[in-house]
Amino acid sequence: MNSLSVIAPYKYEGMWVFDDEQAGLIKEPLVEGADTMIDAMITDIPDADKGFRIVFSAAAFPSYQHKLEWVRPELSGNVYRSAELGMEGWLCPALFKYFSEAPSSIYLKVEAKQPAT
């Protein structure tokens, strides 16, 4: 597994979703609080609803901006909390496409997508 992973969420039918063909995920929804955390994290990214990037890892990396801490398992997923944002969000079992087990912390960087060259 990579130490850093990247997804590019975008809005579809009013919901945040992402595609990762290598992981077998197409229009995978981010729901149950994960969506509202995204809304709070992207306020400075123009046209984020058309797509932006989230770089993430279980280990801190130099340019990370947000830290999510594991709170509890819930149904088949896991709940994480951002102390900075004062929010919790549920991450569905798609989390295990990137991690073998739910990490105690997830470090994130949100940024605008770079134009295609």
N, C-alpha and C. Protein backbone atom coordinates (compact mmCIF):
# COMPACT_ATOMS: atom_id res chain seq x y z
N MET A 1 0.83 -1.19 0.00
CA MET A 1 0.00 0.00 0.00
C MET A 1 0.87 1.25 0.00
N ASN A 2 0.36 2.29 -0.62
CA ASN A 2 1.07 3.56 -0.62
C ASN A 2 0.99 4.20 0.75
N SER A 3 2.00 5.00 1.05
CA SER A 3 1.96 5.77 2.29
C SER A 3 1.00 6.94 2.15
N LEU A 4 0.96 7.54 0.95
CA LEU A 4 0.02 8.62 0.64
C LEU A 4 -0.97 8.12 -0.40
N SER A 5 -2.22 8.46 -0.23
CA SER A 5 -3.24 8.14 -1.22
C SER A 5 -3.92 9.43 -1.62
N VAL A 6 -4.60 9.39 -2.76
CA VAL A 6 -5.29 10.58 -3.23
C VAL A 6 -6.64 10.17 -3.84
N ILE A 7 -7.65 10.97 -3.54
CA ILE A 7 -8.95 10.85 -4.20
C ILE A 7 -9.34 12.25 -4.67
N ALA A 8 -10.27 12.30 -5.60
CA ALA A 8 -10.73 13.59 -6.14
C ALA A 8 -12.25 13.66 -6.06
N PRO A 9 -12.78 14.04 -4.90
CA PRO A 9 -14.24 14.15 -4.76
C PRO A 9 -14.82 15.23 -5.66
N TYR A 10 -16.08 15.02 -6.02
CA TYR A 10 -16.85 15.97 -6.81
C TYR A 10 -18.32 15.78 -6.45
N LYS A 11 -19.15 16.73 -6.83
CA LYS A 11 -20.58 16.65 -6.54
C LYS A 11 -21.29 15.89 -7.67
N TYR A 12 -22.13 14.97 -7.25
CA TYR A 12 -22.98 14.22 -8.18
C TYR A 12 -24.34 14.06 -7.52
N GLU A 13 -25.39 14.52 -8.20
CA GLU A 13 -26.74 14.45 -7.63
C GLU A 13 -26.79 15.10 -6.24
N GLY A 14 -26.01 16.17 -6.06
CA GLY A 14 -26.01 16.91 -4.81
C GLY A 14 -25.21 16.28 -3.68
N MET A 15 -24.49 15.20 -3.98
CA MET A 15 -23.70 14.50 -2.95
C MET A 15 -22.23 14.50 -3.34
N TRP A 16 -21.36 14.50 -2.31
CA TRP A 16 -19.93 14.32 -2.55
C TRP A 16 -19.68 12.85 -2.85
N VAL A 17 -19.02 12.58 -3.96
CA VAL A 17 -18.65 11.22 -4.36
C VAL A 17 -17.22 11.26 -4.89
N PHE A 18 -16.63 10.08 -5.06
CA PHE A 18 -15.32 10.01 -5.71
C PHE A 18 -15.23 8.70 -6.47
N ASP A 19 -14.34 8.68 -7.45
CA ASP A 19 -14.06 7.49 -8.24
C ASP A 19 -12.62 7.06 -7.97
N ASP A 20 -12.41 5.78 -7.88
CA ASP A 20 -11.07 5.21 -7.81
C ASP A 20 -11.16 3.85 -8.48
N GLU A 21 -10.95 3.85 -9.78
CA GLU A 21 -11.11 2.62 -10.56
C GLU A 21 -10.20 1.51 -10.06
N GLN A 22 -8.98 1.84 -9.65
CA GLN A 22 -8.06 0.82 -9.14
C GLN A 22 -8.62 0.13 -7.90
N ALA A 23 -9.37 0.86 -7.09
CA ALA A 23 -9.96 0.29 -5.88
C ALA A 23 -11.37 -0.27 -6.14
N GLY A 24 -11.85 -0.15 -7.38
CA GLY A 24 -13.19 -0.64 -7.72
C GLY A 24 -14.30 0.24 -7.19
N LEU A 25 -14.03 1.53 -7.03
CA LEU A 25 -15.02 2.47 -6.48
C LEU A 25 -15.42 3.49 -7.54
N ILE A 26 -16.69 3.55 -7.84
CA ILE A 26 -17.22 4.51 -8.80
C ILE A 26 -18.38 5.24 -8.12
N LYS A 27 -18.32 6.57 -8.13
CA LYS A 27 -19.33 7.41 -7.47
C LYS A 27 -19.57 6.95 -6.03
N GLU A 28 -18.48 6.65 -5.32
CA GLU A 28 -18.55 6.24 -3.91
C GLU A 28 -18.94 7.45 -3.08
N PRO A 29 -20.08 7.41 -2.38
CA PRO A 29 -20.53 8.59 -1.65
C PRO A 29 -19.80 8.81 -0.33
N LEU A 30 -19.63 10.07 0.00
CA LEU A 30 -19.10 10.51 1.29
C LEU A 30 -20.29 11.11 2.03
N VAL A 31 -20.75 10.43 3.07
CA VAL A 31 -22.01 10.79 3.74
C VAL A 31 -21.85 10.78 5.25
N GLU A 32 -22.94 11.03 5.93
CA GLU A 32 -23.02 10.90 7.39
C GLU A 32 -21.95 11.70 8.14
N GLY A 33 -21.81 12.95 7.77
CA GLY A 33 -20.87 13.84 8.44
C GLY A 33 -19.57 14.03 7.68
N ALA A 34 -19.14 13.03 6.91
CA ALA A 34 -17.93 13.20 6.10
C ALA A 34 -18.18 14.31 5.08
N ASP A 35 -19.41 14.40 4.58
CA ASP A 35 -19.76 15.43 3.61
C ASP A 35 -19.71 16.83 4.21
N THR A 36 -20.17 16.98 5.44
CA THR A 36 -20.14 18.31 6.06
C THR A 36 -18.72 18.71 6.45
N MET A 37 -17.89 17.73 6.80
CA MET A 37 -16.47 18.04 7.06
C MET A 37 -15.81 18.53 5.78
N ILE A 38 -16.13 17.88 4.65
CA ILE A 38 -15.58 18.33 3.37
C ILE A 38 -16.01 19.76 3.10
N ASP A 39 -17.29 20.05 3.29
CA ASP A 39 -17.78 21.41 3.05
C ASP A 39 -16.97 22.43 3.85
N ALA A 40 -16.63 22.10 5.08
CA ALA A 40 -15.87 23.01 5.94
C ALA A 40 -14.41 23.13 5.50
N MET A 41 -13.87 22.08 4.90
CA MET A 41 -12.45 22.08 4.51
C MET A 41 -12.18 22.77 3.18
N ILE A 42 -13.18 22.93 2.35
CA ILE A 42 -12.95 23.40 0.98
C ILE A 42 -13.38 24.84 0.73
N THR A 43 -13.63 25.59 1.77
CA THR A 43 -14.17 26.94 1.59
C THR A 43 -13.28 27.84 0.73
N ASP A 44 -11.98 27.58 0.68
CA ASP A 44 -11.07 28.42 -0.10
C ASP A 44 -10.72 27.83 -1.47
N ILE A 45 -11.40 26.76 -1.88
CA ILE A 45 -11.11 26.14 -3.18
C ILE A 45 -12.22 26.51 -4.16
N PRO A 46 -11.89 27.33 -5.18
CA PRO A 46 -12.92 27.72 -6.15
C PRO A 46 -13.45 26.52 -6.93
N ASP A 47 -14.74 26.50 -7.18
CA ASP A 47 -15.39 25.45 -7.97
C ASP A 47 -15.09 24.05 -7.45
N ALA A 48 -14.96 23.90 -6.15
CA ALA A 48 -14.63 22.59 -5.56
C ALA A 48 -15.69 21.54 -5.91
N ASP A 49 -16.94 21.97 -6.13
CA ASP A 49 -17.98 20.99 -6.45
C ASP A 49 -17.71 20.29 -7.78
N LYS A 50 -16.85 20.86 -8.61
CA LYS A 50 -16.47 20.22 -9.88
C LYS A 50 -15.28 19.29 -9.69
N GLY A 51 -14.73 19.29 -8.49
CA GLY A 51 -13.63 18.38 -8.19
C GLY A 51 -12.47 19.08 -7.52
N PHE A 52 -11.89 18.40 -6.57
CA PHE A 52 -10.68 18.85 -5.87
C PHE A 52 -9.98 17.59 -5.40
N ARG A 53 -8.82 17.74 -4.82
CA ARG A 53 -8.06 16.57 -4.36
C ARG A 53 -7.98 16.51 -2.86
N ILE A 54 -8.02 15.29 -2.34
CA ILE A 54 -7.69 15.01 -0.95
C ILE A 54 -6.52 14.04 -0.96
N VAL A 55 -5.40 14.47 -0.42
CA VAL A 55 -4.24 13.61 -0.21
C VAL A 55 -4.34 13.17 1.24
N PHE A 56 -4.20 11.86 1.50
CA PHE A 56 -4.37 11.39 2.88
C PHE A 56 -3.43 10.24 3.21
N SER A 57 -3.20 10.10 4.51
CA SER A 57 -2.28 9.08 5.00
C SER A 57 -2.56 8.81 6.47
N ALA A 58 -2.17 7.64 6.94
CA ALA A 58 -2.25 7.32 8.37
C ALA A 58 -1.08 7.92 9.13
N ALA A 59 -0.09 8.43 8.39
CA ALA A 59 1.08 9.07 9.00
C ALA A 59 1.10 10.54 8.63
N ALA A 60 1.52 11.37 9.57
CA ALA A 60 1.64 12.80 9.28
C ALA A 60 2.63 13.01 8.13
N PHE A 61 2.34 13.96 7.26
CA PHE A 61 3.26 14.32 6.19
C PHE A 61 3.40 15.84 6.19
N PRO A 62 4.49 16.37 5.63
CA PRO A 62 4.83 17.78 5.83
C PRO A 62 3.74 18.80 5.52
N SER A 63 2.92 18.58 4.50
CA SER A 63 1.95 19.62 4.12
C SER A 63 0.52 19.31 4.56
N TYR A 64 0.34 18.36 5.49
CA TYR A 64 -1.04 18.05 5.88
C TYR A 64 -1.69 19.27 6.53
N GLN A 65 -3.01 19.36 6.37
CA GLN A 65 -3.78 20.49 6.91
C GLN A 65 -4.77 20.10 7.99
N HIS A 66 -5.25 18.87 7.94
CA HIS A 66 -6.30 18.42 8.86
C HIS A 66 -5.93 17.04 9.42
N LYS A 67 -6.35 16.82 10.65
CA LYS A 67 -6.14 15.53 11.29
C LYS A 67 -7.49 15.01 11.77
N LEU A 68 -7.81 13.77 11.38
CA LEU A 68 -9.01 13.10 11.85
C LEU A 68 -8.58 12.02 12.84
N GLU A 69 -9.27 11.95 13.96
CA GLU A 69 -8.93 10.95 14.97
C GLU A 69 -10.07 9.94 15.08
N TRP A 70 -9.68 8.66 15.15
CA TRP A 70 -10.65 7.58 15.26
C TRP A 70 -11.43 7.72 16.56
N VAL A 71 -12.76 7.55 16.47
CA VAL A 71 -13.63 7.65 17.64
C VAL A 71 -14.20 6.28 18.01
N ARG A 72 -14.82 5.60 17.00
CA ARG A 72 -15.47 4.33 17.30
C ARG A 72 -15.86 3.63 16.00
N PRO A 73 -16.05 2.31 16.08
CA PRO A 73 -16.65 1.64 14.93
C PRO A 73 -18.15 1.93 14.93
N GLU A 74 -18.73 1.97 13.77
CA GLU A 74 -20.19 2.15 13.68
C GLU A 74 -20.69 1.40 12.46
N LEU A 75 -21.60 0.46 12.70
CA LEU A 75 -22.08 -0.43 11.66
C LEU A 75 -20.86 -1.04 10.97
N SER A 76 -20.74 -0.98 9.66
CA SER A 76 -19.60 -1.59 8.99
C SER A 76 -18.47 -0.59 8.73
N GLY A 77 -18.61 0.64 9.23
CA GLY A 77 -17.60 1.67 9.02
C GLY A 77 -17.00 2.16 10.33
N ASN A 78 -16.41 3.34 10.28
CA ASN A 78 -15.76 3.93 11.44
C ASN A 78 -16.03 5.42 11.50
N VAL A 79 -16.17 5.94 12.71
CA VAL A 79 -16.40 7.37 12.91
C VAL A 79 -15.08 8.03 13.27
N TYR A 80 -14.80 9.15 12.62
CA TYR A 80 -13.61 9.96 12.88
C TYR A 80 -14.04 11.36 13.28
N ARG A 81 -13.21 12.01 14.06
CA ARG A 81 -13.50 13.36 14.55
C ARG A 81 -12.38 14.31 14.16
N SER A 82 -12.77 15.49 13.73
CA SER A 82 -11.84 16.60 13.53
C SER A 82 -12.01 17.54 14.70
N ALA A 83 -11.03 17.59 15.59
CA ALA A 83 -11.09 18.51 16.73
C ALA A 83 -11.08 19.95 16.23
N GLU A 84 -10.30 20.21 15.21
CA GLU A 84 -10.20 21.55 14.63
C GLU A 84 -11.55 22.06 14.14
N LEU A 85 -12.31 21.20 13.46
CA LEU A 85 -13.61 21.60 12.91
C LEU A 85 -14.75 21.36 13.90
N GLY A 86 -14.48 20.59 14.95
CA GLY A 86 -15.54 20.26 15.90
C GLY A 86 -16.63 19.40 15.29
N MET A 87 -16.22 18.48 14.41
CA MET A 87 -17.18 17.65 13.68
C MET A 87 -16.76 16.19 13.70
N GLU A 88 -17.75 15.32 13.54
CA GLU A 88 -17.51 13.90 13.36
C GLU A 88 -18.09 13.47 12.02
N GLY A 89 -17.48 12.44 11.43
CA GLY A 89 -17.99 11.90 10.18
C GLY A 89 -17.73 10.41 10.11
N TRP A 90 -18.64 9.73 9.44
CA TRP A 90 -18.56 8.28 9.28
C TRP A 90 -17.86 7.97 7.98
N LEU A 91 -16.89 7.08 8.04
CA LEU A 91 -16.21 6.60 6.84
C LEU A 91 -16.64 5.16 6.62
N CYS A 92 -17.18 4.89 5.46
CA CYS A 92 -17.74 3.58 5.14
C CYS A 92 -16.63 2.54 4.94
N PRO A 93 -17.00 1.28 4.68
CA PRO A 93 -15.99 0.24 4.51
C PRO A 93 -15.02 0.46 3.35
N ALA A 94 -15.29 1.42 2.46
CA ALA A 94 -14.33 1.74 1.41
C ALA A 94 -12.99 2.17 2.01
N LEU A 95 -12.99 2.59 3.28
CA LEU A 95 -11.75 2.93 3.99
C LEU A 95 -10.73 1.80 3.89
N PHE A 96 -11.23 0.55 3.87
CA PHE A 96 -10.35 -0.61 3.86
C PHE A 96 -9.77 -0.91 2.48
N LYS A 97 -10.13 -0.12 1.48
CA LYS A 97 -9.46 -0.19 0.19
C LYS A 97 -8.10 0.52 0.28
N TYR A 98 -7.94 1.36 1.31
CA TYR A 98 -6.73 2.16 1.47
C TYR A 98 -5.92 1.78 2.71
N PHE A 99 -6.57 1.19 3.70
CA PHE A 99 -5.91 0.80 4.95
C PHE A 99 -6.34 -0.62 5.32
N SER A 100 -5.42 -1.42 5.84
CA SER A 100 -5.77 -2.79 6.23
C SER A 100 -6.64 -2.81 7.48
N GLU A 101 -6.53 -1.79 8.31
CA GLU A 101 -7.39 -1.62 9.48
C GLU A 101 -7.62 -0.13 9.67
N ALA A 102 -8.64 0.23 10.43
CA ALA A 102 -8.95 1.64 10.65
C ALA A 102 -7.80 2.30 11.40
N PRO A 103 -7.13 3.28 10.80
CA PRO A 103 -6.01 3.93 11.49
C PRO A 103 -6.49 4.80 12.65
N SER A 104 -5.63 4.98 13.63
CA SER A 104 -6.00 5.81 14.78
C SER A 104 -6.11 7.28 14.39
N SER A 105 -5.38 7.69 13.36
CA SER A 105 -5.45 9.06 12.83
C SER A 105 -5.35 9.01 11.32
N ILE A 106 -6.00 9.95 10.67
CA ILE A 106 -5.87 10.14 9.23
C ILE A 106 -5.51 11.60 9.01
N TYR A 107 -4.44 11.83 8.29
CA TYR A 107 -3.95 13.18 8.00
C TYR A 107 -4.34 13.52 6.56
N LEU A 108 -4.86 14.74 6.37
CA LEU A 108 -5.40 15.14 5.08
C LEU A 108 -4.82 16.46 4.59
N LYS A 109 -4.74 16.56 3.29
CA LYS A 109 -4.48 17.85 2.64
C LYS A 109 -5.54 17.99 1.55
N VAL A 110 -6.26 19.10 1.55
CA VAL A 110 -7.25 19.38 0.50
C VAL A 110 -6.69 20.48 -0.39
N GLU A 111 -6.85 20.30 -1.69
CA GLU A 111 -6.29 21.28 -2.62
C GLU A 111 -7.06 21.24 -3.93
N ALA A 112 -6.96 22.33 -4.67
CA ALA A 112 -7.56 22.41 -5.99
C ALA A 112 -6.89 21.41 -6.90
N LYS A 113 -7.67 20.88 -7.84
CA LYS A 113 -7.08 20.00 -8.85
C LYS A 113 -6.22 20.84 -9.77
N GLN A 114 -5.15 20.27 -10.21
CA GLN A 114 -4.27 20.97 -11.15
C GLN A 114 -4.83 20.81 -12.56
N PRO A 115 -4.70 21.84 -13.38
CA PRO A 115 -5.20 21.73 -14.75
C PRO A 115 -4.45 20.63 -15.50
N ALA A 116 -5.18 19.94 -16.39
CA ALA A 116 -4.56 18.90 -17.20
C ALA A 116 -3.54 19.52 -18.14
N THR A 117 -2.45 18.82 -18.35
CA THR A 117 -1.41 19.34 -19.26
C THR A 117 -1.40 18.57 -20.55
